[in-house]
Amino acid sequence: MEASAVSCRICGAETKRIGTVFGKLKQQDFYLYRCPACLFSFISNPCTEHDKIYSSDYYSGKGADPLADYVFELEHPEKTIRVYEWRGILNVIGSLKQIDSQTRWLDYGCGNGGLVRYVNQHAECRAVGFEEGWVKDMAASRGIPYIDRNDLEKQRGSFDIISAIEVLEHLENPIETLSTIKALLKPGGLFFYTTGNAEPVRDRLLGWNYIVPEVHISFFEPTTLDYALQKCGFKPEFKGFMPGYVDIIRFKILKNLRRKTRSVAERFLPWSAVSRVADMKYCVTAHPIAWA
């Protein structure tokens, strides 16, 4: 039986249990709590068997999150719809900070390293990834540059840009990871990330399909991240809809429609208008970016 008193992992306040989510992979109940102070929501009893959860099945779209097929994306970078996300991220970041041959970019929690490969192919900078999951060795064998956890301490204060794409929702202790990222950035460095926005579904969180309790365990509203980032020493900034978000939202829509490959038909859709409408509903662009 889950204890009734659970402290918030962001601000430390006492939280309230709002319900139970049944596992998609593990046949058990997971307990969902929300902090009334900072509005952080989280699974209080996350699965700790990471080797089993983040296995080859997970990275092949056969695990807890069937929408994730990182092996296909690694092997077919020109066919995958993920190219829209990669292109969009590069455009967003390029609109915020100059990128040149001296720029050092770390993709934290980079998965198959697809963004790292795309950035190195399309921008004049030095991008590397950090990842500890099963797919890392497969990606490294294809020449995608990685650093390991031992290297992180040696590279404190050395990166101009750090991205974390759909990473924060996987973290049991977000403050710890955000503090690590802050320490890795140079003064004035940029932290750009994506994660689901819990604010539009605040009153129906138990029905939110973004909650996959084995792997997605932390859920943020923009005010939550504003508080968390400041707590870790960042300077958050709310920028809203920036160049590149059309492609990022385009990818998210196609992924949720269970499309894996780009097609001629979808290329004729008015993505600029479609992405704006989707953003009005899901508030993808409402989270702050952050400066070190």
C-alpha atoms as a PDB file:
ATOM      1  CA  MET A   1       0.000   0.000   0.000  1.00  0.00           C
ATOM      2  CA  GLU A   2       1.446   3.371  -1.033  1.00  0.00           C
ATOM      3  CA  ALA A   3       2.129   5.839   1.765  1.00  0.00           C
ATOM      4  CA  SER A   4      -0.226   8.829   1.765  1.00  0.00           C
ATOM      5  CA  ALA A   5       2.467  11.457   2.481  1.00  0.00           C
ATOM      6  CA  VAL A   6       4.886  11.907  -0.420  1.00  0.00           C
ATOM      7  CA  SER A   7       7.152  14.947  -0.834  1.00  0.00           C
ATOM      8  CA  CYS A   8       7.430  16.780  -4.136  1.00  0.00           C
ATOM      9  CA  ARG A   9      10.641  15.995  -6.010  1.00  0.00           C
ATOM     10  CA  ILE A  10      10.800  19.570  -7.302  1.00  0.00           C
ATOM     11  CA  CYS A  11       9.938  21.848  -4.384  1.00  0.00           C
ATOM     12  CA  GLY A  12       9.698  19.488  -1.410  1.00  0.00           C
ATOM     13  CA  ALA A  13       6.092  20.346  -0.512  1.00  0.00           C
ATOM     14  CA  GLU A  14       3.628  17.671   0.548  1.00  0.00           C
ATOM     15  CA  THR A  15       1.790  16.249  -2.460  1.00  0.00           C
ATOM     16  CA  LYS A  16      -1.638  14.717  -3.000  1.00  0.00           C
ATOM     17  CA  ARG A  17      -2.397  11.385  -4.596  1.00  0.00           C
ATOM     18  CA  ILE A  18      -4.752  11.894  -7.522  1.00  0.00           C
ATOM     19  CA  GLY A  19      -5.166   8.301  -8.673  1.00  0.00           C
ATOM     20  CA  THR A  20      -3.752   5.080 -10.005  1.00  0.00           C
ATOM     21  CA  VAL A  21      -2.437   4.241 -13.463  1.00  0.00           C
ATOM     22  CA  PHE A  22      -2.174   0.596 -14.507  1.00  0.00           C
ATOM     23  CA  GLY A  23       1.039  -0.390 -16.236  1.00  0.00           C
ATOM     24  CA  LYS A  24       1.211  -0.968 -19.958  1.00  0.00           C
ATOM     25  CA  LEU A  25       4.111  -3.407 -19.734  1.00  0.00           C
ATOM     26  CA  LYS A  26       4.224  -4.396 -16.070  1.00  0.00           C
ATOM     27  CA  GLN A  27       0.894  -5.616 -14.764  1.00  0.00           C
ATOM     28  CA  GLN A  28       0.748  -3.460 -11.648  1.00  0.00           C
ATOM     29  CA  ASP A  29      -0.649  -0.236 -10.272  1.00  0.00           C
ATOM     30  CA  PHE A  30       1.407   2.951 -10.379  1.00  0.00           C
ATOM     31  CA  TYR A  31       0.473   5.865  -8.096  1.00  0.00           C
ATOM     32  CA  LEU A  32       0.151   9.348  -9.553  1.00  0.00           C
ATOM     33  CA  TYR A  33       0.717  12.342  -7.260  1.00  0.00           C
ATOM     34  CA  ARG A  34       0.514  16.098  -7.814  1.00  0.00           C
ATOM     35  CA  CYS A  35       2.130  18.931  -5.910  1.00  0.00           C
ATOM     36  CA  PRO A  36      -0.342  21.751  -5.158  1.00  0.00           C
ATOM     37  CA  ALA A  37       2.553  24.193  -4.724  1.00  0.00           C
ATOM     38  CA  CYS A  38       4.556  23.852  -7.967  1.00  0.00           C
ATOM     39  CA  LEU A  39       2.048  21.716  -9.936  1.00  0.00           C
ATOM     40  CA  PHE A  40       4.542  18.929 -10.584  1.00  0.00           C
ATOM     41  CA  SER A  41       2.929  15.509 -11.126  1.00  0.00           C
ATOM     42  CA  PHE A  42       4.796  12.227 -10.883  1.00  0.00           C
ATOM     43  CA  ILE A  43       4.649   8.477 -10.476  1.00  0.00           C
ATOM     44  CA  SER A  44       5.653   7.852  -6.875  1.00  0.00           C
ATOM     45  CA  ASN A  45       6.575   4.168  -7.290  1.00  0.00           C
ATOM     46  CA  PRO A  46       8.449   4.086 -10.617  1.00  0.00           C
ATOM     47  CA  CYS A  47       9.895   0.896 -12.022  1.00  0.00           C
ATOM     48  CA  THR A  48      13.604   0.599 -11.173  1.00  0.00           C
ATOM     49  CA  GLU A  49      14.354  -2.377 -13.424  1.00  0.00           C
ATOM     50  CA  HIS A  50      15.838  -0.119 -16.085  1.00  0.00           C
ATOM     51  CA  ASP A  51      17.611  -2.893 -17.983  1.00  0.00           C
ATOM     52  CA  LYS A  52      14.292  -4.663 -18.498  1.00  0.00           C
ATOM     53  CA  ILE A  53      12.261  -1.559 -19.295  1.00  0.00           C
ATOM     54  CA  TYR A  54      14.839   0.115 -21.577  1.00  0.00           C
ATOM     55  CA  SER A  55      15.700  -3.073 -23.427  1.00  0.00           C
ATOM     56  CA  SER A  56      16.103  -3.807 -27.126  1.00  0.00           C
ATOM     57  CA  ASP A  57      12.313  -4.182 -27.278  1.00  0.00           C
ATOM     58  CA  TYR A  58      11.815  -0.619 -26.033  1.00  0.00           C
ATOM     59  CA  TYR A  59      14.145   0.824 -28.669  1.00  0.00           C
ATOM     60  CA  SER A  60      12.439  -1.253 -31.372  1.00  0.00           C
ATOM     61  CA  GLY A  61       8.916  -0.080 -30.575  1.00  0.00           C
ATOM     62  CA  LYS A  62       7.931  -3.332 -28.854  1.00  0.00           C
ATOM     63  CA  GLY A  63       8.188  -2.156 -25.252  1.00  0.00           C
ATOM     64  CA  ALA A  64       6.260   0.129 -22.923  1.00  0.00           C
ATOM     65  CA  ASP A  65       6.024   2.895 -25.546  1.00  0.00           C
ATOM     66  CA  PRO A  66       4.977   1.426 -28.926  1.00  0.00           C
ATOM     67  CA  LEU A  67       5.331   4.843 -30.588  1.00  0.00           C
ATOM     68  CA  ALA A  68       9.123   4.745 -30.121  1.00  0.00           C
ATOM     69  CA  ASP A  69      11.125   2.836 -32.751  1.00  0.00           C
ATOM     70  CA  TYR A  70      14.647   4.175 -32.433  1.00  0.00           C
ATOM     71  CA  VAL A  71      16.231   1.294 -34.337  1.00  0.00           C
ATOM     72  CA  PHE A  72      14.209   2.093 -37.457  1.00  0.00           C
ATOM     73  CA  GLU A  73      15.091   5.780 -37.153  1.00  0.00           C
ATOM     74  CA  LEU A  74      18.772   4.942 -36.774  1.00  0.00           C
ATOM     75  CA  GLU A  75      18.800   2.682 -39.818  1.00  0.00           C
ATOM     76  CA  HIS A  76      16.567   4.859 -42.035  1.00  0.00           C
ATOM     77  CA  PRO A  77      17.340   8.501 -41.221  1.00  0.00           C
ATOM     78  CA  GLU A  78      16.102   9.791 -44.584  1.00  0.00           C
ATOM     79  CA  LYS A  79      12.774   7.932 -44.418  1.00  0.00           C
ATOM     80  CA  THR A  80      11.723   8.530 -40.832  1.00  0.00           C
ATOM     81  CA  ILE A  81       9.322  11.295 -39.850  1.00  0.00           C
ATOM     82  CA  ARG A  82      11.825  12.078 -37.074  1.00  0.00           C
ATOM     83  CA  VAL A  83      13.739  14.189 -39.595  1.00  0.00           C
ATOM     84  CA  TYR A  84      11.082  16.871 -39.117  1.00  0.00           C
ATOM     85  CA  GLU A  85      11.829  17.015 -35.411  1.00  0.00           C
ATOM     86  CA  TRP A  86      15.598  17.148 -35.987  1.00  0.00           C
ATOM     87  CA  ARG A  87      15.201  19.928 -38.553  1.00  0.00           C
ATOM     88  CA  GLY A  88      12.833  21.852 -36.302  1.00  0.00           C
ATOM     89  CA  ILE A  89      15.119  21.638 -33.275  1.00  0.00           C
ATOM     90  CA  LEU A  90      18.075  22.902 -35.274  1.00  0.00           C
ATOM     91  CA  ASN A  91      15.989  25.828 -36.563  1.00  0.00           C
ATOM     92  CA  VAL A  92      14.667  26.735 -33.105  1.00  0.00           C
ATOM     93  CA  ILE A  93      18.114  26.677 -31.543  1.00  0.00           C
ATOM     94  CA  GLY A  94      19.626  28.525 -34.494  1.00  0.00           C
ATOM     95  CA  SER A  95      17.081  31.294 -33.960  1.00  0.00           C
ATOM     96  CA  LEU A  96      18.164  31.624 -30.330  1.00  0.00           C
ATOM     97  CA  LYS A  97      21.922  31.294 -30.506  1.00  0.00           C
ATOM     98  CA  GLN A  98      24.600  31.589 -33.160  1.00  0.00           C
ATOM     99  CA  ILE A  99      25.942  28.225 -34.307  1.00  0.00           C
ATOM    100  CA  ASP A 100      29.388  28.066 -35.895  1.00  0.00           C
ATOM    101  CA  SER A 101      32.458  25.848 -36.097  1.00  0.00           C
ATOM    102  CA  GLN A 102      33.395  26.600 -32.494  1.00  0.00           C
ATOM    103  CA  THR A 103      29.994  25.726 -31.056  1.00  0.00           C
ATOM    104  CA  ARG A 104      29.912  22.685 -28.770  1.00  0.00           C
ATOM    105  CA  TRP A 105      26.502  21.011 -28.568  1.00  0.00           C
ATOM    106  CA  LEU A 106      25.559  18.138 -26.255  1.00  0.00           C
ATOM    107  CA  ASP A 107      22.351  16.181 -26.805  1.00  0.00           C
ATOM    108  CA  TYR A 108      21.639  14.841 -23.303  1.00  0.00           C
ATOM    109  CA  GLY A 109      19.744  11.547 -23.320  1.00  0.00           C
ATOM    110  CA  CYS A 110      20.202  11.365 -27.072  1.00  0.00           C
ATOM    111  CA  GLY A 111      18.809   7.864 -27.631  1.00  0.00           C
ATOM    112  CA  ASN A 112      19.961   6.632 -31.017  1.00  0.00           C
ATOM    113  CA  GLY A 113      21.935   9.816 -31.642  1.00  0.00           C
ATOM    114  CA  GLY A 114      19.796  10.839 -34.601  1.00  0.00           C
ATOM    115  CA  LEU A 115      19.779  14.521 -33.662  1.00  0.00           C
ATOM    116  CA  VAL A 116      23.552  14.464 -33.136  1.00  0.00           C
ATOM    117  CA  ARG A 117      24.073  13.001 -36.597  1.00  0.00           C
ATOM    118  CA  TYR A 118      21.642  15.476 -38.187  1.00  0.00           C
ATOM    119  CA  VAL A 119      23.255  18.503 -36.524  1.00  0.00           C
ATOM    120  CA  ASN A 120      26.740  17.419 -37.523  1.00  0.00           C
ATOM    121  CA  GLN A 121      25.567  16.994 -41.110  1.00  0.00           C
ATOM    122  CA  HIS A 122      23.631  20.261 -41.385  1.00  0.00           C
ATOM    123  CA  ALA A 123      25.401  22.753 -39.119  1.00  0.00           C
ATOM    124  CA  GLU A 124      28.980  23.845 -38.697  1.00  0.00           C
ATOM    125  CA  CYS A 125      29.415  22.784 -35.086  1.00  0.00           C
ATOM    126  CA  ARG A 126      30.645  19.923 -32.940  1.00  0.00           C
ATOM    127  CA  ALA A 127      27.749  17.888 -31.574  1.00  0.00           C
ATOM    128  CA  VAL A 128      28.029  14.841 -29.298  1.00  0.00           C
ATOM    129  CA  GLY A 129      25.494  12.753 -27.425  1.00  0.00           C
ATOM    130  CA  PHE A 130      25.128  11.321 -23.956  1.00  0.00           C
ATOM    131  CA  GLU A 131      23.092   8.138 -23.597  1.00  0.00           C
ATOM    132  CA  GLU A 132      23.203   5.043 -21.394  1.00  0.00           C
ATOM    133  CA  GLY A 133      20.488   2.929 -22.994  1.00  0.00           C
ATOM    134  CA  TRP A 134      20.744  -0.254 -25.033  1.00  0.00           C
ATOM    135  CA  VAL A 135      20.756   1.543 -28.390  1.00  0.00           C
ATOM    136  CA  LYS A 136      23.956   3.478 -27.661  1.00  0.00           C
ATOM    137  CA  ASP A 137      26.403   0.822 -28.885  1.00  0.00           C
ATOM    138  CA  MET A 138      24.458   0.292 -32.108  1.00  0.00           C
ATOM    139  CA  ALA A 139      24.517   4.025 -32.820  1.00  0.00           C
ATOM    140  CA  ALA A 140      28.189   4.407 -31.875  1.00  0.00           C
ATOM    141  CA  SER A 141      29.062   1.659 -34.347  1.00  0.00           C
ATOM    142  CA  ARG A 142      27.656   3.918 -37.066  1.00  0.00           C
ATOM    143  CA  GLY A 143      30.049   6.696 -36.131  1.00  0.00           C
ATOM    144  CA  ILE A 144      27.759   8.852 -33.984  1.00  0.00           C
ATOM    145  CA  PRO A 145      29.951  10.518 -31.319  1.00  0.00           C
ATOM    146  CA  TYR A 146      29.079   9.869 -27.680  1.00  0.00           C
ATOM    147  CA  ILE A 147      30.517  10.731 -24.303  1.00  0.00           C
ATOM    148  CA  ASP A 148      29.939   8.574 -21.226  1.00  0.00           C
ATOM    149  CA  ARG A 149      29.061   9.489 -17.648  1.00  0.00           C
ATOM    150  CA  ASN A 150      32.715   9.600 -16.600  1.00  0.00           C
ATOM    151  CA  ASP A 151      33.335  12.238 -19.270  1.00  0.00           C
ATOM    152  CA  LEU A 152      30.542  14.497 -18.017  1.00  0.00           C
ATOM    153  CA  GLU A 153      32.467  15.582 -14.931  1.00  0.00           C
ATOM    154  CA  LYS A 154      35.509  16.413 -17.059  1.00  0.00           C
ATOM    155  CA  GLN A 155      33.419  18.579 -19.410  1.00  0.00           C
ATOM    156  CA  ARG A 156      31.825  20.895 -16.877  1.00  0.00           C
ATOM    157  CA  GLY A 157      31.357  24.389 -18.260  1.00  0.00           C
ATOM    158  CA  SER A 158      32.334  23.411 -21.795  1.00  0.00           C
ATOM    159  CA  PHE A 159      29.112  23.312 -23.844  1.00  0.00           C
ATOM    160  CA  ASP A 160      27.453  26.211 -25.636  1.00  0.00           C
ATOM    161  CA  ILE A 161      24.199  24.317 -26.227  1.00  0.00           C
ATOM    162  CA  ILE A 162      22.573  21.377 -24.492  1.00  0.00           C
ATOM    163  CA  SER A 163      19.379  19.791 -25.758  1.00  0.00           C
ATOM    164  CA  ALA A 164      17.254  17.205 -23.971  1.00  0.00           C
ATOM    165  CA  ILE A 165      14.508  15.968 -26.265  1.00  0.00           C
ATOM    166  CA  GLU A 166      11.723  14.060 -24.495  1.00  0.00           C
ATOM    167  CA  VAL A 167      14.052  13.273 -21.596  1.00  0.00           C
ATOM    168  CA  LEU A 168      12.683  15.097 -18.550  1.00  0.00           C
ATOM    169  CA  GLU A 169       9.560  12.947 -18.321  1.00  0.00           C
ATOM    170  CA  HIS A 170      11.760   9.864 -17.805  1.00  0.00           C
ATOM    171  CA  LEU A 171      13.537  11.268 -14.742  1.00  0.00           C
ATOM    172  CA  GLU A 172      12.811  10.226 -11.179  1.00  0.00           C
ATOM    173  CA  ASN A 173      14.838  13.170  -9.832  1.00  0.00           C
ATOM    174  CA  PRO A 174      14.577  16.056 -12.341  1.00  0.00           C
ATOM    175  CA  ILE A 175      16.397  18.577 -10.137  1.00  0.00           C
ATOM    176  CA  GLU A 176      19.499  16.390 -10.051  1.00  0.00           C
ATOM    177  CA  THR A 177      19.647  16.134 -13.835  1.00  0.00           C
ATOM    178  CA  LEU A 178      18.856  19.811 -14.418  1.00  0.00           C
ATOM    179  CA  SER A 179      21.687  20.730 -12.031  1.00  0.00           C
ATOM    180  CA  THR A 180      24.050  18.463 -13.979  1.00  0.00           C
ATOM    181  CA  ILE A 181      23.048  20.106 -17.263  1.00  0.00           C
ATOM    182  CA  LYS A 182      23.510  23.574 -15.789  1.00  0.00           C
ATOM    183  CA  ALA A 183      27.039  22.653 -14.658  1.00  0.00           C
ATOM    184  CA  LEU A 184      27.921  21.390 -18.145  1.00  0.00           C
ATOM    185  CA  LEU A 185      26.992  24.663 -19.865  1.00  0.00           C
ATOM    186  CA  LYS A 186      29.231  27.655 -20.353  1.00  0.00           C
ATOM    187  CA  PRO A 187      27.997  30.930 -18.838  1.00  0.00           C
ATOM    188  CA  GLY A 188      25.364  32.209 -21.265  1.00  0.00           C
ATOM    189  CA  GLY A 189      24.879  28.737 -22.718  1.00  0.00           C
ATOM    190  CA  LEU A 190      21.471  27.597 -23.961  1.00  0.00           C
ATOM    191  CA  PHE A 191      19.375  24.713 -22.652  1.00  0.00           C
ATOM    192  CA  PHE A 192      16.596  23.634 -25.020  1.00  0.00           C
ATOM    193  CA  TYR A 193      14.312  20.695 -24.315  1.00  0.00           C
ATOM    194  CA  THR A 194      10.943  19.222 -25.146  1.00  0.00           C
ATOM    195  CA  THR A 195       8.568  17.429 -22.804  1.00  0.00           C
ATOM    196  CA  GLY A 196       4.815  17.107 -22.531  1.00  0.00           C
ATOM    197  CA  ASN A 197       2.828  20.000 -21.072  1.00  0.00           C
ATOM    198  CA  ALA A 198       0.535  18.815 -18.282  1.00  0.00           C
ATOM    199  CA  GLU A 199      -1.301  22.129 -17.921  1.00  0.00           C
ATOM    200  CA  PRO A 200      -3.947  21.591 -20.651  1.00  0.00           C
ATOM    201  CA  VAL A 201      -4.890  18.217 -19.081  1.00  0.00           C
ATOM    202  CA  ARG A 202      -4.540  19.248 -15.430  1.00  0.00           C
ATOM    203  CA  ASP A 203      -8.115  18.239 -14.599  1.00  0.00           C
ATOM    204  CA  ARG A 204      -8.005  14.957 -16.530  1.00  0.00           C
ATOM    205  CA  LEU A 205      -4.445  13.864 -15.981  1.00  0.00           C
ATOM    206  CA  LEU A 206      -5.329  10.197 -15.388  1.00  0.00           C
ATOM    207  CA  GLY A 207      -6.617   9.971 -18.963  1.00  0.00           C
ATOM    208  CA  TRP A 208      -3.566  11.597 -20.566  1.00  0.00           C
ATOM    209  CA  ASN A 209      -2.052   9.173 -23.087  1.00  0.00           C
ATOM    210  CA  TYR A 210       1.390  10.733 -22.511  1.00  0.00           C
ATOM    211  CA  ILE A 211       1.522   8.914 -19.171  1.00  0.00           C
ATOM    212  CA  VAL A 212       3.295   5.601 -19.757  1.00  0.00           C
ATOM    213  CA  PRO A 213       4.015   4.730 -16.115  1.00  0.00           C
ATOM    214  CA  GLU A 214       6.960   2.435 -16.728  1.00  0.00           C
ATOM    215  CA  VAL A 215       8.919   5.088 -18.665  1.00  0.00           C
ATOM    216  CA  HIS A 216       7.126   8.466 -18.465  1.00  0.00           C
ATOM    217  CA  ILE A 217       7.060   9.258 -14.759  1.00  0.00           C
ATOM    218  CA  SER A 218       7.478  13.063 -14.394  1.00  0.00           C
ATOM    219  CA  PHE A 219       5.013  15.622 -15.751  1.00  0.00           C
ATOM    220  CA  PHE A 220       5.504  19.369 -15.863  1.00  0.00           C
ATOM    221  CA  GLU A 221       3.506  22.531 -16.330  1.00  0.00           C
ATOM    222  CA  PRO A 222       5.332  25.639 -17.598  1.00  0.00           C
ATOM    223  CA  THR A 223       5.274  27.197 -14.124  1.00  0.00           C
ATOM    224  CA  THR A 224       6.781  23.997 -12.705  1.00  0.00           C
ATOM    225  CA  LEU A 225       9.707  24.176 -15.076  1.00  0.00           C
ATOM    226  CA  ASP A 226      10.144  27.895 -14.527  1.00  0.00           C
ATOM    227  CA  TYR A 227      10.536  27.181 -10.804  1.00  0.00           C
ATOM    228  CA  ALA A 228      12.750  24.106 -11.292  1.00  0.00           C
ATOM    229  CA  LEU A 229      15.079  25.833 -13.739  1.00  0.00           C
ATOM    230  CA  GLN A 230      15.533  28.839 -11.469  1.00  0.00           C
ATOM    231  CA  LYS A 231      16.195  26.505  -8.535  1.00  0.00           C
ATOM    232  CA  CYS A 232      19.049  24.970 -10.535  1.00  0.00           C
ATOM    233  CA  GLY A 233      20.558  28.349 -11.412  1.00  0.00           C
ATOM    234  CA  PHE A 234      19.129  28.838 -14.905  1.00  0.00           C
ATOM    235  CA  LYS A 235      17.519  31.973 -16.270  1.00  0.00           C
ATOM    236  CA  PRO A 236      14.261  30.768 -17.867  1.00  0.00           C
ATOM    237  CA  GLU A 237      12.717  32.684 -20.745  1.00  0.00           C
ATOM    238  CA  PHE A 238       9.293  32.193 -22.281  1.00  0.00           C
ATOM    239  CA  LYS A 239       9.726  32.546 -26.040  1.00  0.00           C
ATOM    240  CA  GLY A 240       6.533  30.934 -27.350  1.00  0.00           C
ATOM    241  CA  PHE A 241       6.174  29.818 -30.966  1.00  0.00           C
ATOM    242  CA  MET A 242       9.582  30.123 -32.643  1.00  0.00           C
ATOM    243  CA  PRO A 243      10.944  29.203 -36.097  1.00  0.00           C
ATOM    244  CA  GLY A 244      11.210  25.436 -36.221  1.00  0.00           C
ATOM    245  CA  TYR A 245       8.183  24.614 -34.100  1.00  0.00           C
ATOM    246  CA  VAL A 246       6.102  23.907 -37.201  1.00  0.00           C
ATOM    247  CA  ASP A 247       8.365  20.928 -37.897  1.00  0.00           C
ATOM    248  CA  ILE A 248       8.549  19.796 -34.259  1.00  0.00           C
ATOM    249  CA  ILE A 249       4.756  19.755 -33.951  1.00  0.00           C
ATOM    250  CA  ARG A 250       4.433  18.167 -37.380  1.00  0.00           C
ATOM    251  CA  PHE A 251       6.547  15.269 -36.150  1.00  0.00           C
ATOM    252  CA  LYS A 252       4.510  14.910 -32.961  1.00  0.00           C
ATOM    253  CA  ILE A 253       1.237  14.774 -34.882  1.00  0.00           C
ATOM    254  CA  LEU A 254       2.511  12.166 -37.334  1.00  0.00           C
ATOM    255  CA  LYS A 255       4.008  10.085 -34.527  1.00  0.00           C
ATOM    256  CA  ASN A 256       0.715  10.022 -32.639  1.00  0.00           C
ATOM    257  CA  LEU A 257      -1.000   9.003 -35.864  1.00  0.00           C
ATOM    258  CA  ARG A 258       1.461   6.058 -35.831  1.00  0.00           C
ATOM    259  CA  ARG A 259       3.228   7.118 -39.012  1.00  0.00           C
ATOM    260  CA  LYS A 260       6.860   6.003 -39.256  1.00  0.00           C
ATOM    261  CA  THR A 261       7.892   7.232 -42.682  1.00  0.00           C
ATOM    262  CA  ARG A 262       7.468  10.452 -44.600  1.00  0.00           C
ATOM    263  CA  SER A 263       4.960  10.378 -47.438  1.00  0.00           C
ATOM    264  CA  VAL A 264       4.036  12.482 -50.427  1.00  0.00           C
ATOM    265  CA  ALA A 265       0.481  12.946 -49.157  1.00  0.00           C
ATOM    266  CA  GLU A 266       1.391  14.512 -45.818  1.00  0.00           C
ATOM    267  CA  ARG A 267       3.813  16.927 -47.451  1.00  0.00           C
ATOM    268  CA  PHE A 268       0.874  18.766 -49.038  1.00  0.00           C
ATOM    269  CA  LEU A 269      -0.846  19.469 -45.715  1.00  0.00           C
ATOM    270  CA  PRO A 270      -0.810  23.122 -44.528  1.00  0.00           C
ATOM    271  CA  TRP A 271       1.532  22.378 -41.651  1.00  0.00           C
ATOM    272  CA  SER A 272       1.981  25.987 -40.641  1.00  0.00           C
ATOM    273  CA  ALA A 273      -1.738  26.317 -39.890  1.00  0.00           C
ATOM    274  CA  VAL A 274      -2.101  22.780 -38.532  1.00  0.00           C
ATOM    275  CA  SER A 275       0.770  23.234 -36.097  1.00  0.00           C
ATOM    276  CA  ARG A 276      -0.651  26.510 -34.794  1.00  0.00           C
ATOM    277  CA  VAL A 277      -4.031  24.891 -34.123  1.00  0.00           C
ATOM    278  CA  ALA A 278      -2.390  21.924 -32.393  1.00  0.00           C
ATOM    279  CA  ASP A 279      -0.295  24.261 -30.282  1.00  0.00           C
ATOM    280  CA  MET A 280      -3.386  26.139 -29.150  1.00  0.00           C
ATOM    281  CA  LYS A 281      -4.772  22.858 -27.791  1.00  0.00           C
ATOM    282  CA  TYR A 282      -1.661  21.162 -26.415  1.00  0.00           C
ATOM    283  CA  CYS A 283       0.520  24.236 -25.645  1.00  0.00           C
ATOM    284  CA  VAL A 284       3.694  22.571 -26.897  1.00  0.00           C
ATOM    285  CA  THR A 285       5.535  25.878 -27.056  1.00  0.00           C
ATOM    286  CA  ALA A 286       4.518  27.129 -23.599  1.00  0.00           C
ATOM    287  CA  HIS A 287       7.501  25.728 -21.683  1.00  0.00           C
ATOM    288  CA  PRO A 288      10.395  28.137 -21.079  1.00  0.00           C
ATOM    289  CA  ILE A 289      13.809  27.729 -22.637  1.00  0.00           C
ATOM    290  CA  ALA A 290      16.742  28.412 -20.277  1.00  0.00           C
ATOM    291  CA  TRP A 291      20.054  30.250 -20.203  1.00  0.00           C
ATOM    292  CA  ALA A 292      22.989  29.305 -17.996  1.00  0.00           C
END
